[in-house]
C-alpha atoms as a PDB file:
ATOM      1  CA  MET A   1      -0.118  -3.602   9.381  1.00  0.00           C
ATOM      2  CA  ARG A   2       2.304  -0.918   8.249  1.00  0.00           C
ATOM      3  CA  TYR A   3       2.317  -0.618   4.480  1.00  0.00           C
ATOM      4  CA  SER A   4       5.964   0.408   4.457  1.00  0.00           C
ATOM      5  CA  TYR A   5       8.338  -1.975   2.678  1.00  0.00           C
ATOM      6  CA  PRO A   6      12.131  -2.165   2.567  1.00  0.00           C
ATOM      7  CA  CYS A   7      13.758  -1.667  -0.809  1.00  0.00           C
ATOM      8  CA  ILE A   8      17.250  -2.156  -2.130  1.00  0.00           C
ATOM      9  CA  LEU A   9      18.813   0.654  -4.167  1.00  0.00           C
ATOM     10  CA  THR A  10      21.603  -0.584  -6.391  1.00  0.00           C
ATOM     11  CA  PRO A  11      23.809   1.910  -8.247  1.00  0.00           C
ATOM     12  CA  GLU A  12      23.768   1.258 -11.991  1.00  0.00           C
ATOM     13  CA  PRO A  13      27.030   1.328 -13.976  1.00  0.00           C
ATOM     14  CA  GLU A  14      25.705   3.983 -16.381  1.00  0.00           C
ATOM     15  CA  GLY A  15      24.419   6.131 -13.505  1.00  0.00           C
ATOM     16  CA  GLY A  16      21.250   6.207 -11.491  1.00  0.00           C
ATOM     17  CA  PHE A  17      19.799   3.553  -9.241  1.00  0.00           C
ATOM     18  CA  PHE A  18      17.869   0.314  -9.723  1.00  0.00           C
ATOM     19  CA  VAL A  19      15.219  -0.338  -7.028  1.00  0.00           C
ATOM     20  CA  GLN A  20      13.731  -3.648  -5.969  1.00  0.00           C
ATOM     21  CA  PHE A  21      11.528  -4.764  -3.082  1.00  0.00           C
ATOM     22  CA  PRO A  22      12.469  -8.160  -1.637  1.00  0.00           C
ATOM     23  CA  ASP A  23       8.962  -8.672  -0.183  1.00  0.00           C
ATOM     24  CA  VAL A  24       6.943  -7.624  -3.244  1.00  0.00           C
ATOM     25  CA  ARG A  25       7.375  -9.564  -6.456  1.00  0.00           C
ATOM     26  CA  GLY A  26       7.232  -7.290  -9.488  1.00  0.00           C
ATOM     27  CA  ALA A  27       7.985  -4.047  -7.634  1.00  0.00           C
ATOM     28  CA  LEU A  28      10.965  -2.877  -9.681  1.00  0.00           C
ATOM     29  CA  THR A  29      11.956   0.557 -10.947  1.00  0.00           C
ATOM     30  CA  ASN A  30      14.873   2.906 -11.371  1.00  0.00           C
ATOM     31  CA  GLY A  31      15.747   6.577 -11.250  1.00  0.00           C
ATOM     32  CA  ALA A  32      18.394   8.966 -12.496  1.00  0.00           C
ATOM     33  CA  ASP A  33      19.465   9.704  -8.904  1.00  0.00           C
ATOM     34  CA  ARG A  34      18.675   8.433  -5.410  1.00  0.00           C
ATOM     35  CA  GLU A  35      15.802  10.878  -4.830  1.00  0.00           C
ATOM     36  CA  GLU A  36      14.106  10.096  -8.143  1.00  0.00           C
ATOM     37  CA  ALA A  37      14.601   6.352  -7.594  1.00  0.00           C
ATOM     38  CA  LEU A  38      12.834   6.561  -4.222  1.00  0.00           C
ATOM     39  CA  GLU A  39       9.982   8.619  -5.706  1.00  0.00           C
ATOM     40  CA  MET A  40       9.583   6.049  -8.479  1.00  0.00           C
ATOM     41  CA  ALA A  41       9.748   3.293  -5.851  1.00  0.00           C
ATOM     42  CA  GLU A  42       6.581   4.577  -4.147  1.00  0.00           C
ATOM     43  CA  ASP A  43       4.683   4.299  -7.428  1.00  0.00           C
ATOM     44  CA  ALA A  44       6.181   0.905  -8.317  1.00  0.00           C
ATOM     45  CA  LEU A  45       5.239  -0.448  -4.899  1.00  0.00           C
ATOM     46  CA  ALA A  46       1.634   0.782  -5.159  1.00  0.00           C
ATOM     47  CA  VAL A  47       1.264  -0.619  -8.687  1.00  0.00           C
ATOM     48  CA  ALA A  48       2.741  -4.002  -7.738  1.00  0.00           C
ATOM     49  CA  LEU A  49       0.516  -4.336  -4.670  1.00  0.00           C
ATOM     50  CA  GLY A  50      -2.455  -3.350  -6.839  1.00  0.00           C
ATOM     51  CA  GLY A  51      -1.494  -6.301  -9.026  1.00  0.00           C
ATOM     52  CA  TYR A  52      -1.718  -8.557  -5.971  1.00  0.00           C
ATOM     53  CA  VAL A  53      -5.273  -7.313  -5.410  1.00  0.00           C
ATOM     54  CA  ALA A  54      -6.209  -7.797  -9.075  1.00  0.00           C
ATOM     55  CA  SER A  55      -4.787 -11.345  -8.971  1.00  0.00           C
ATOM     56  CA  GLY A  56      -6.534 -12.204  -5.709  1.00  0.00           C
ATOM     57  CA  TRP A  57      -3.252 -12.808  -3.858  1.00  0.00           C
ATOM     58  CA  ASP A  58      -2.507 -12.122  -0.219  1.00  0.00           C
ATOM     59  CA  ILE A  59      -0.733  -8.824   0.442  1.00  0.00           C
ATOM     60  CA  PRO A  60       2.776  -9.669   1.684  1.00  0.00           C
ATOM     61  CA  LYS A  61       3.789  -8.549   5.143  1.00  0.00           C
ATOM     62  CA  PRO A  62       6.794  -6.219   5.060  1.00  0.00           C
ATOM     63  CA  SER A  63       9.996  -7.503   6.582  1.00  0.00           C
ATOM     64  CA  PRO A  64      12.128  -5.236   8.777  1.00  0.00           C
ATOM     65  CA  ALA A  65      14.586  -3.065   6.876  1.00  0.00           C
ATOM     66  CA  SER A  66      18.146  -4.340   6.915  1.00  0.00           C
ATOM     67  CA  ASP A  67      21.253  -2.178   6.881  1.00  0.00           C
ATOM     68  CA  GLY A  68      21.470  -0.362   3.574  1.00  0.00           C
ATOM     69  CA  GLN A  69      17.751  -0.707   2.792  1.00  0.00           C
ATOM     70  CA  GLU A  70      15.267   2.175   2.617  1.00  0.00           C
ATOM     71  CA  LEU A  71      11.664   1.974   3.790  1.00  0.00           C
ATOM     72  CA  VAL A  72       9.066   3.076   1.249  1.00  0.00           C
ATOM     73  CA  ALA A  73       5.391   3.522   2.154  1.00  0.00           C
ATOM     74  CA  VAL A  74       2.389   3.440  -0.150  1.00  0.00           C
ATOM     75  CA  PRO A  75       0.129   6.530  -0.192  1.00  0.00           C
ATOM     76  CA  PRO A  76      -2.516   6.586   2.586  1.00  0.00           C
ATOM     77  CA  VAL A  77      -5.483   5.896   0.274  1.00  0.00           C
ATOM     78  CA  VAL A  78      -3.677   2.874  -1.190  1.00  0.00           C
ATOM     79  CA  ALA A  79      -2.861   1.631   2.329  1.00  0.00           C
ATOM     80  CA  ALA A  80      -6.528   1.973   3.290  1.00  0.00           C
ATOM     81  CA  LYS A  81      -7.605   0.004   0.222  1.00  0.00           C
ATOM     82  CA  LEU A  82      -5.030  -2.723   0.878  1.00  0.00           C
ATOM     83  CA  SER A  83      -6.252  -2.965   4.464  1.00  0.00           C
ATOM     84  CA  LEU A  84      -9.859  -3.213   3.274  1.00  0.00           C
ATOM     85  CA  TYR A  85      -8.942  -5.914   0.750  1.00  0.00           C
ATOM     86  CA  THR A  86      -7.013  -7.879   3.391  1.00  0.00           C
ATOM     87  CA  ALA A  87      -9.813  -7.635   5.967  1.00  0.00           C
ATOM     88  CA  MET A  88     -12.361  -8.801   3.407  1.00  0.00           C
ATOM     89  CA  ARG A  89     -10.189 -11.817   2.516  1.00  0.00           C
ATOM     90  CA  GLU A  90      -9.548 -12.697   6.164  1.00  0.00           C
ATOM     91  CA  GLN A  91     -13.257 -12.477   7.048  1.00  0.00           C
ATOM     92  CA  GLY A  92     -14.606 -14.062   3.857  1.00  0.00           C
ATOM     93  CA  ILE A  93     -16.502 -10.885   2.946  1.00  0.00           C
ATOM     94  CA  THR A  94     -17.352 -10.575  -0.746  1.00  0.00           C
ATOM     95  CA  LYS A  95     -17.795  -7.327  -2.630  1.00  0.00           C
ATOM     96  CA  VAL A  96     -21.543  -8.062  -2.662  1.00  0.00           C
ATOM     97  CA  ASP A  97     -21.502  -8.476   1.148  1.00  0.00           C
ATOM     98  CA  LEU A  98     -19.640  -5.187   1.564  1.00  0.00           C
ATOM     99  CA  ALA A  99     -22.006  -3.465  -0.873  1.00  0.00           C
ATOM    100  CA  GLU A 100     -24.954  -4.562   1.271  1.00  0.00           C
ATOM    101  CA  ARG A 101     -23.280  -3.287   4.446  1.00  0.00           C
ATOM    102  CA  LEU A 102     -22.594   0.085   2.823  1.00  0.00           C
ATOM    103  CA  GLY A 103     -25.812   0.417   0.826  1.00  0.00           C
ATOM    104  CA  LEU A 104     -23.841   0.561  -2.442  1.00  0.00           C
ATOM    105  CA  ASN A 105     -23.829  -1.471  -5.628  1.00  0.00           C
ATOM    106  CA  GLU A 106     -21.102  -4.031  -6.310  1.00  0.00           C
ATOM    107  CA  THR A 107     -19.389  -1.803  -8.899  1.00  0.00           C
ATOM    108  CA  ALA A 108     -18.983   1.021  -6.389  1.00  0.00           C
ATOM    109  CA  THR A 109     -17.638  -1.434  -3.820  1.00  0.00           C
ATOM    110  CA  ALA A 110     -15.140  -2.873  -6.311  1.00  0.00           C
ATOM    111  CA  LYS A 111     -13.747   0.639  -6.794  1.00  0.00           C
ATOM    112  CA  LEU A 112     -13.253   1.001  -3.036  1.00  0.00           C
ATOM    113  CA  VAL A 113     -10.961  -2.052  -3.026  1.00  0.00           C
ATOM    114  CA  ASN A 114      -9.097  -1.241  -6.254  1.00  0.00           C
ATOM    115  CA  PRO A 115      -5.856   0.672  -5.521  1.00  0.00           C
ATOM    116  CA  ASP A 116      -5.798   1.935  -9.115  1.00  0.00           C
ATOM    117  CA  TYR A 117      -9.108   3.769  -8.683  1.00  0.00           C
ATOM    118  CA  GLY A 118      -9.037   7.170  -6.991  1.00  0.00           C
ATOM    119  CA  SER A 119     -11.605   6.861  -4.214  1.00  0.00           C
ATOM    120  CA  PRO A 120     -12.165   9.554  -1.597  1.00  0.00           C
ATOM    121  CA  ILE A 121     -10.400   8.526   1.611  1.00  0.00           C
ATOM    122  CA  SER A 122     -13.642   9.130   3.559  1.00  0.00           C
ATOM    123  CA  SER A 123     -15.403   6.439   1.489  1.00  0.00           C
ATOM    124  CA  VAL A 124     -12.619   3.918   2.059  1.00  0.00           C
ATOM    125  CA  LEU A 125     -12.555   4.709   5.789  1.00  0.00           C
ATOM    126  CA  LYS A 126     -16.313   4.100   5.982  1.00  0.00           C
ATOM    127  CA  ALA A 127     -15.799   0.719   4.285  1.00  0.00           C
ATOM    128  CA  LEU A 128     -12.972  -0.099   6.698  1.00  0.00           C
ATOM    129  CA  ARG A 129     -15.266   0.595   9.643  1.00  0.00           C
ATOM    130  CA  ALA A 130     -17.871  -1.700   8.081  1.00  0.00           C
ATOM    131  CA  VAL A 131     -15.362  -4.578   8.290  1.00  0.00           C
ATOM    132  CA  GLY A 132     -14.136  -3.669  11.784  1.00  0.00           C
ATOM    133  CA  ARG A 133     -10.912  -1.949  10.772  1.00  0.00           C
ATOM    134  CA  SER A 134      -9.465   1.551  11.088  1.00  0.00           C
ATOM    135  CA  LEU A 135      -6.551   3.469   9.649  1.00  0.00           C
ATOM    136  CA  VAL A 136      -3.824   5.380  11.470  1.00  0.00           C
ATOM    137  CA  VAL A 137      -1.460   7.723   9.626  1.00  0.00           C
ATOM    138  CA  GLU A 138       1.881   8.177  11.369  1.00  0.00           C
ATOM    139  CA  ASP A 139       4.202  11.094  10.713  1.00  0.00           C
ATOM    140  CA  LEU A 140       7.935  10.304  10.819  1.00  0.00           C
ATOM    141  CA  ALA A 141      11.022  12.467  10.636  1.00  0.00           C
ATOM    142  CA  ALA A 142      11.849  13.225   7.024  1.00  0.00           C
ATOM    143  CA  GLN A 143      14.790  11.582   5.351  1.00  0.00           C
ATOM    144  CA  PRO A 144      17.196  13.973   3.666  1.00  0.00           C
ATOM    145  CA  ALA A 145      15.648  15.583   0.566  1.00  0.00           C
ATOM    146  CA  ARG A 146      12.315  13.769   0.809  1.00  0.00           C
ATOM    147  CA  ARG A 147       9.233  13.604   2.990  1.00  0.00           C
ATOM    148  CA  ARG A 148       8.185  10.238   4.365  1.00  0.00           C
ATOM    149  CA  PHE A 149       5.167   8.824   6.153  1.00  0.00           C
ATOM    150  CA  ASP A 150       4.079   5.406   7.335  1.00  0.00           C
ATOM    151  CA  VAL A 151       0.550   4.126   7.273  1.00  0.00           C
ATOM    152  CA  LEU A 152      -0.666   1.586   9.779  1.00  0.00           C
ATOM    153  CA  ALA A 153      -3.967  -0.271   9.480  1.00  0.00           C
ATOM    154  CA  ARG A 154      -5.271  -1.875  12.620  1.00  0.00           C
ATOM    155  CA  ASN A 155      -8.193  -3.555  14.283  1.00  0.00           C
ATOM    156  CA  PRO A 156      -9.907  -1.060  16.573  1.00  0.00           C
ATOM    157  CA  VAL A 157      -9.816  -1.879  20.256  1.00  0.00           C
ATOM    158  CA  SER A 158     -13.271  -2.805  21.532  1.00  0.00           C
END
């Protein structure tokens, strides 16, 4: 799944932009200008999706961007953690199960799934492999005045 979600930027009467994500409840922010609003949107999206993990909710699938919407991707480490969380839910794998597969304790495994914890990407990738998943980072043409990337998590082809 691509962890790149469409957002709506609405100009505010007093200046700046309000940002909301139709697919992700609670992902709201604003910025003094368009560029700052989109930078803030990346953080708001990651925080909101981290809340889904903390609440034990399914991660919503992003809808296609409509005219006038911008796509915003989460950082690669967050995408990897969301993919790990989703795979564990789909396969009924507990943190204890994953800990056994990785030779770690449950606390260390919980950190690998928590988007708010700064895990090394290599550790999260190892955990993804342990649940039969992989991560692909895709480079896209930059939008004016900002760099953009998409992250796609997938099942490896056997």
